[in-house]
Amino acid sequence: MSNLMQTRSYPVSAEQLLSFLTSKEFYVRRYNILEVEDYSFEQCEQTEQGFVVHIERNMPINTERIPSFARRFVGETAELSTRFVWDNQGAAPYVGHYSVAMAGAPVTIEGAVKISAQTDSSCEQNIDLKIYCSVPIIGKKLAALLAQRVEKVLEDDYQATLRYLREHA
């Protein structure tokens, strides 16, 4: 297992950020910014458990950057199933439970995302993820490698979200 914690600041209120993160239009535009085309919404709606955002996405994997011992555990693409369940009732802080599964890979990512108000027009997002790999002996090493990739993806998402906010908030 590998842990990943990040804190991000946004120039919008906690309520505004949550409204974007529970909006299909936001993800469509953010994926356009990131030039992601191969994805589908499985769910984006209020449920008894909270607001659910479930996106399936095919993502190319650059195997040149993966150590040779790990290549047999990954293909050239990854089918990701990403699911957020947001507790969006009441006032901030808002908490989203996050999970990612990769089809055919012995890896899962689980954790929580918390959005807290800083001021009336800014908020902070705290990300706390755990990356699990069920491969005996080298699982910790694979999870650590994946954590590096997840950090890059989270940074790309953050930058795309900031760009979206500049254009639409």
Protein backbone atom coordinates (compact mmCIF):
# COMPACT_ATOMS: atom_id res chain seq x y z
CA MET A 1 0.00 0.00 0.00
CA SER A 2 1.08 3.54 -0.71
CA ASN A 3 -0.43 6.74 0.70
CA LEU A 4 -0.90 9.95 -1.25
CA MET A 5 -1.97 13.22 0.37
CA GLN A 6 -2.35 16.58 -1.37
CA THR A 7 -3.84 19.97 -0.59
CA ARG A 8 -5.07 22.31 -3.31
CA SER A 9 -6.47 25.86 -3.12
CA TYR A 10 -9.17 27.16 -5.43
CA PRO A 11 -10.37 30.73 -6.11
CA VAL A 12 -14.07 29.83 -5.60
CA SER A 13 -16.23 29.08 -2.59
CA ALA A 14 -16.52 25.51 -1.30
CA GLU A 15 -20.13 25.45 -2.52
CA GLN A 16 -19.10 26.56 -6.02
CA LEU A 17 -16.34 23.96 -6.26
CA LEU A 18 -18.72 21.22 -5.14
CA SER A 19 -21.28 22.34 -7.72
CA PHE A 20 -18.64 21.99 -10.45
CA LEU A 21 -17.45 18.59 -9.17
CA THR A 22 -21.03 17.31 -9.31
CA SER A 23 -21.66 18.66 -12.82
CA LYS A 24 -21.44 16.55 -15.96
CA GLU A 25 -20.71 19.70 -17.99
CA PHE A 26 -17.64 20.40 -15.83
CA TYR A 27 -16.12 16.97 -16.55
CA VAL A 28 -16.89 17.23 -20.27
CA ARG A 29 -15.11 20.60 -20.45
CA ARG A 30 -12.20 19.49 -18.23
CA TYR A 31 -11.68 16.39 -20.38
CA ASN A 32 -11.70 18.67 -23.44
CA ILE A 33 -8.96 20.77 -21.82
CA LEU A 34 -6.98 17.58 -21.07
CA GLU A 35 -7.68 16.25 -24.61
CA VAL A 36 -9.32 13.10 -23.22
CA GLU A 37 -11.83 11.58 -25.63
CA ASP A 38 -12.41 7.97 -24.61
CA TYR A 39 -14.72 8.18 -21.58
CA SER A 40 -18.36 7.70 -20.64
CA PHE A 41 -20.59 8.69 -17.75
CA GLU A 42 -22.06 5.69 -16.02
CA GLN A 43 -23.79 7.83 -13.39
CA CYS A 44 -23.99 11.52 -12.48
CA GLU A 45 -26.92 12.02 -10.12
CA GLN A 46 -28.17 12.48 -6.58
CA THR A 47 -28.79 9.18 -4.77
CA GLU A 48 -29.61 8.14 -1.21
CA GLN A 49 -25.87 7.69 -0.57
CA GLY A 50 -25.00 11.19 -1.88
CA PHE A 51 -24.20 12.68 -5.26
CA VAL A 52 -22.56 9.97 -7.39
CA VAL A 53 -20.19 10.70 -10.27
CA HIS A 54 -19.06 7.48 -11.98
CA ILE A 55 -16.90 7.75 -15.09
CA GLU A 56 -15.39 4.94 -17.19
CA ARG A 57 -12.27 5.93 -19.11
CA ASN A 58 -9.71 4.24 -21.34
CA MET A 59 -6.26 5.66 -20.79
CA PRO A 60 -3.11 4.93 -22.81
CA ILE A 61 -0.12 3.77 -20.78
CA ASN A 62 3.43 4.68 -21.75
CA THR A 63 5.15 1.38 -20.97
CA GLU A 64 8.59 2.85 -21.73
CA ARG A 65 8.45 4.64 -18.38
CA ILE A 66 7.52 1.46 -16.47
CA PRO A 67 10.36 -0.66 -15.07
CA SER A 68 10.71 -4.01 -16.81
CA PHE A 69 9.68 -6.00 -13.71
CA ALA A 70 6.30 -4.20 -13.68
CA ARG A 71 5.44 -4.31 -17.39
CA ARG A 72 3.80 -7.73 -17.26
CA PHE A 73 1.18 -6.34 -14.85
CA VAL A 74 0.02 -3.55 -17.17
CA GLY A 75 -1.17 -3.38 -20.74
CA GLU A 76 -0.86 -0.60 -23.27
CA THR A 77 -4.15 0.89 -22.11
CA ALA A 78 -5.97 0.95 -18.80
CA GLU A 79 -9.73 0.83 -18.39
CA LEU A 80 -10.38 3.03 -15.37
CA SER A 81 -13.59 3.09 -13.39
CA THR A 82 -13.63 6.24 -11.23
CA ARG A 83 -16.36 6.80 -8.69
CA PHE A 84 -17.03 9.74 -6.35
CA VAL A 85 -19.82 9.72 -3.81
CA TRP A 86 -20.22 13.24 -2.42
CA ASP A 87 -21.92 14.06 0.87
CA ASN A 88 -23.37 17.26 -0.52
CA GLN A 89 -26.00 18.09 2.11
CA GLY A 90 -25.63 21.07 4.42
CA ALA A 91 -22.68 23.44 4.67
CA ALA A 92 -18.97 22.88 4.04
CA PRO A 93 -16.86 20.95 4.64
CA TYR A 94 -18.00 18.52 1.96
CA VAL A 95 -16.54 15.03 1.79
CA GLY A 96 -16.34 12.81 -1.27
CA HIS A 97 -15.46 9.14 -1.09
CA TYR A 98 -13.23 8.24 -4.02
CA SER A 99 -12.42 4.92 -5.65
CA VAL A 100 -10.65 3.88 -8.84
CA ALA A 101 -10.44 0.37 -10.22
CA MET A 102 -8.37 -0.69 -13.22
CA ALA A 103 -9.88 -3.57 -15.19
CA GLY A 104 -7.54 -6.52 -15.30
CA ALA A 105 -4.97 -4.92 -12.99
CA PRO A 106 -4.27 -5.89 -9.39
CA VAL A 107 -4.60 -2.28 -8.26
CA THR A 108 -7.26 -0.20 -6.51
CA ILE A 109 -7.24 3.37 -5.26
CA GLU A 110 -9.51 4.48 -2.42
CA GLY A 111 -9.76 7.53 -0.28
CA ALA A 112 -11.49 10.75 0.57
CA VAL A 113 -11.56 14.27 -0.78
CA LYS A 114 -12.58 17.08 1.56
CA ILE A 115 -13.56 20.59 0.44
CA SER A 116 -13.35 23.24 3.15
CA ALA A 117 -14.09 26.96 3.00
CA GLN A 118 -11.11 29.29 3.40
CA THR A 119 -12.99 32.53 2.74
CA ASP A 120 -16.30 33.40 1.07
CA SER A 121 -14.52 33.22 -2.29
CA SER A 122 -11.86 30.53 -1.82
CA CYS A 123 -11.63 26.96 -0.63
CA GLU A 124 -9.19 24.18 0.01
CA GLN A 125 -9.35 20.62 -1.23
CA ASN A 126 -7.61 17.90 0.80
CA ILE A 127 -6.99 14.60 -0.95
CA ASP A 128 -6.10 11.50 1.03
CA LEU A 129 -5.70 8.36 -1.09
CA LYS A 130 -4.49 4.84 -0.48
CA ILE A 131 -3.14 2.81 -3.39
CA TYR A 132 -3.35 -0.95 -3.04
CA CYS A 133 -1.61 -3.57 -5.15
CA SER A 134 -2.34 -7.24 -4.54
CA VAL A 135 0.77 -8.63 -6.24
CA PRO A 136 2.84 -10.67 -3.77
CA ILE A 137 6.36 -9.51 -2.93
CA ILE A 138 6.53 -6.53 -5.34
CA GLY A 139 3.09 -5.05 -4.58
CA LYS A 140 4.51 -2.20 -2.47
CA LYS A 141 6.94 -1.25 -5.21
CA LEU A 142 4.17 -1.27 -7.84
CA ALA A 143 1.90 0.82 -5.58
CA ALA A 144 4.72 3.37 -5.12
CA LEU A 145 5.21 3.57 -8.90
CA LEU A 146 1.50 4.04 -9.41
CA ALA A 147 1.44 6.76 -6.73
CA GLN A 148 3.91 8.76 -8.83
CA ARG A 149 1.61 8.48 -11.84
CA VAL A 150 -1.46 9.37 -9.77
CA GLU A 151 0.34 12.51 -8.52
CA LYS A 152 0.91 13.59 -12.14
CA VAL A 153 -2.73 12.90 -13.08
CA LEU A 154 -3.97 14.86 -10.04
CA GLU A 155 -1.71 17.80 -10.95
CA ASP A 156 -2.99 17.75 -14.56
CA ASP A 157 -6.59 17.65 -13.26
CA TYR A 158 -5.86 20.53 -10.87
CA GLN A 159 -4.37 22.70 -13.63
CA ALA A 160 -7.29 21.90 -15.96
CA THR A 161 -9.76 22.74 -13.18
CA LEU A 162 -8.04 26.10 -12.55
CA ARG A 163 -8.24 26.85 -16.27
CA TYR A 164 -11.91 25.89 -16.31
CA LEU A 165 -12.56 28.17 -13.32
CA ARG A 166 -10.79 31.09 -15.01
CA GLU A 167 -13.01 30.62 -18.05
CA HIS A 168 -16.35 29.80 -16.37
CA ALA A 169 -16.50 30.95 -12.74
